Every structure is written in C-alpha cells, then in structure tokens.
Amino acid sequence: MRHGAGSARGGWIEADGTERVSGRPARTVCRHTREGQQYFTEWLDEIVREPSR
C-alpha cells in the first residue's frame, strides 16, 4: 500500500481547530479522519509485519 505525500490531505486529515501558545502565531491542529485512521492502522501493521532488512 503506497500513496504519494500529497495524498495525506486527500481526505486523511482534517482541521480540528486552532490554538495559540505564548504569543506565537496561531497554528492549525489536525486529526485523522475515519478513513485516515484506517489507512494509518493498515500502514503501521504492514511495516511491523514486514520489517526492512
């Protein structure tokens, strides 16, 4: 299962709000979508089952 880096924004993550810390510029906080969480779990399972040599 391989997807390009640009795919991460293609429905796998979504903005969950913004926050500001100690006068720093506001930053967007993101979270996985349901589809993104499923992809991440499958990807993690794949790399654990097939470690690089």
N, C-alpha and C. Protein backbone atom coordinates (compact mmCIF):
# COMPACT_ATOMS: atom_id res chain seq x y z
N MET A 1 0.86 -1.17 0.00
CA MET A 1 0.00 0.00 0.00
C MET A 1 0.91 1.24 0.00
N ARG A 2 0.96 1.92 -1.10
CA ARG A 2 1.79 3.11 -1.21
C ARG A 2 0.95 4.26 -1.76
N HIS A 3 1.10 5.42 -1.16
CA HIS A 3 0.38 6.60 -1.62
C HIS A 3 1.35 7.76 -1.57
N GLY A 4 1.21 8.70 -2.49
CA GLY A 4 2.08 9.86 -2.53
C GLY A 4 1.87 10.79 -1.35
N ALA A 5 2.87 11.61 -1.08
CA ALA A 5 2.81 12.53 0.05
C ALA A 5 1.61 13.48 -0.06
N GLY A 6 1.24 13.86 -1.27
CA GLY A 6 0.11 14.76 -1.45
C GLY A 6 -1.22 14.14 -1.08
N SER A 7 -1.25 12.81 -1.00
CA SER A 7 -2.49 12.12 -0.66
C SER A 7 -2.91 12.34 0.78
N ALA A 8 -1.98 12.72 1.64
CA ALA A 8 -2.30 12.89 3.06
C ALA A 8 -3.43 13.89 3.25
N ARG A 9 -3.49 14.89 2.43
CA ARG A 9 -4.55 15.87 2.56
C ARG A 9 -5.80 15.47 1.80
N GLY A 10 -5.71 14.42 1.03
CA GLY A 10 -6.83 13.98 0.21
C GLY A 10 -7.88 13.21 1.00
N GLY A 11 -8.26 13.73 2.16
CA GLY A 11 -9.31 13.09 2.93
C GLY A 11 -8.83 12.31 4.13
N TRP A 12 -7.52 12.29 4.39
CA TRP A 12 -6.99 11.51 5.51
C TRP A 12 -6.88 12.33 6.77
N ILE A 13 -6.73 13.63 6.65
CA ILE A 13 -6.66 14.51 7.81
C ILE A 13 -7.63 15.66 7.62
N GLU A 14 -8.01 16.27 8.73
CA GLU A 14 -8.89 17.43 8.66
C GLU A 14 -8.56 18.37 9.81
N ALA A 15 -8.81 19.63 9.60
CA ALA A 15 -8.57 20.63 10.65
C ALA A 15 -9.53 20.39 11.80
N ASP A 16 -9.00 20.50 13.02
CA ASP A 16 -9.81 20.28 14.21
C ASP A 16 -9.88 21.55 15.06
N GLY A 17 -9.26 22.61 14.59
CA GLY A 17 -9.28 23.87 15.33
C GLY A 17 -7.94 24.59 15.22
N THR A 18 -7.82 25.67 15.95
CA THR A 18 -6.56 26.41 16.00
C THR A 18 -6.21 26.67 17.46
N GLU A 19 -4.94 26.90 17.70
CA GLU A 19 -4.50 27.26 19.05
C GLU A 19 -3.34 28.24 18.96
N ARG A 20 -3.20 29.01 20.00
CA ARG A 20 -2.13 30.00 20.08
C ARG A 20 -1.42 29.77 21.42
N VAL A 21 -0.09 29.73 21.40
CA VAL A 21 0.69 29.48 22.60
C VAL A 21 1.70 30.60 22.80
N SER A 22 1.64 31.23 23.95
CA SER A 22 2.63 32.24 24.39
C SER A 22 2.95 33.29 23.32
N GLY A 23 1.95 33.87 22.74
CA GLY A 23 2.17 34.94 21.78
C GLY A 23 2.69 34.49 20.43
N ARG A 24 2.82 33.20 20.22
CA ARG A 24 3.26 32.67 18.93
C ARG A 24 2.09 32.75 17.96
N PRO A 25 2.36 32.70 16.67
CA PRO A 25 1.26 32.71 15.69
C PRO A 25 0.33 31.51 15.90
N ALA A 26 -0.92 31.69 15.56
CA ALA A 26 -1.89 30.60 15.68
C ALA A 26 -1.47 29.45 14.77
N ARG A 27 -1.75 28.25 15.22
CA ARG A 27 -1.45 27.08 14.39
C ARG A 27 -2.70 26.22 14.29
N THR A 28 -2.81 25.53 13.18
CA THR A 28 -3.95 24.66 12.94
C THR A 28 -3.66 23.28 13.52
N VAL A 29 -4.59 22.78 14.28
CA VAL A 29 -4.48 21.44 14.85
C VAL A 29 -5.29 20.51 13.95
N CYS A 30 -4.68 19.41 13.52
CA CYS A 30 -5.34 18.47 12.62
C CYS A 30 -5.54 17.13 13.31
N ARG A 31 -6.44 16.35 12.75
CA ARG A 31 -6.67 15.00 13.25
C ARG A 31 -6.98 14.09 12.07
N HIS A 32 -6.82 12.78 12.29
CA HIS A 32 -7.16 11.82 11.26
C HIS A 32 -8.67 11.79 11.05
N THR A 33 -9.08 11.60 9.81
CA THR A 33 -10.47 11.28 9.53
C THR A 33 -10.62 9.77 9.79
N ARG A 34 -11.82 9.27 9.72
CA ARG A 34 -12.03 7.83 9.91
C ARG A 34 -11.23 7.06 8.86
N GLU A 35 -11.27 7.52 7.61
CA GLU A 35 -10.52 6.88 6.53
C GLU A 35 -9.02 6.97 6.80
N GLY A 36 -8.57 8.12 7.27
CA GLY A 36 -7.16 8.30 7.58
C GLY A 36 -6.69 7.40 8.70
N GLN A 37 -7.51 7.23 9.72
CA GLN A 37 -7.15 6.34 10.83
C GLN A 37 -7.05 4.90 10.35
N GLN A 38 -7.97 4.50 9.48
CA GLN A 38 -7.93 3.14 8.94
C GLN A 38 -6.67 2.94 8.10
N TYR A 39 -6.34 3.91 7.24
CA TYR A 39 -5.13 3.81 6.42
C TYR A 39 -3.89 3.74 7.31
N PHE A 40 -3.81 4.60 8.33
CA PHE A 40 -2.66 4.62 9.21
C PHE A 40 -2.49 3.27 9.92
N THR A 41 -3.58 2.70 10.40
CA THR A 41 -3.52 1.40 11.09
C THR A 41 -3.04 0.32 10.13
N GLU A 42 -3.55 0.30 8.91
CA GLU A 42 -3.11 -0.68 7.91
C GLU A 42 -1.64 -0.49 7.57
N TRP A 43 -1.22 0.75 7.41
CA TRP A 43 0.17 1.05 7.08
C TRP A 43 1.09 0.60 8.21
N LEU A 44 0.72 0.92 9.44
CA LEU A 44 1.53 0.53 10.59
C LEU A 44 1.63 -0.99 10.69
N ASP A 45 0.52 -1.68 10.49
CA ASP A 45 0.51 -3.14 10.51
C ASP A 45 1.46 -3.69 9.44
N GLU A 46 1.45 -3.08 8.26
CA GLU A 46 2.30 -3.52 7.16
C GLU A 46 3.78 -3.39 7.51
N ILE A 47 4.17 -2.26 8.08
CA ILE A 47 5.60 -2.08 8.35
C ILE A 47 6.07 -2.90 9.55
N VAL A 48 5.17 -3.23 10.46
CA VAL A 48 5.54 -4.09 11.59
C VAL A 48 5.68 -5.53 11.14
N ARG A 49 4.80 -5.96 10.25
CA ARG A 49 4.84 -7.34 9.76
C ARG A 49 6.01 -7.58 8.81
N GLU A 50 6.40 -6.57 8.05
CA GLU A 50 7.46 -6.72 7.05
C GLU A 50 8.58 -5.73 7.34
N PRO A 51 9.39 -5.98 8.38
CA PRO A 51 10.46 -5.03 8.70
C PRO A 51 11.52 -4.98 7.60
N SER A 52 12.15 -3.84 7.48
CA SER A 52 13.22 -3.70 6.48
C SER A 52 14.43 -4.48 6.96
N ARG A 53 15.22 -4.90 6.01
CA ARG A 53 16.40 -5.72 6.36
C ARG A 53 17.66 -4.93 6.22
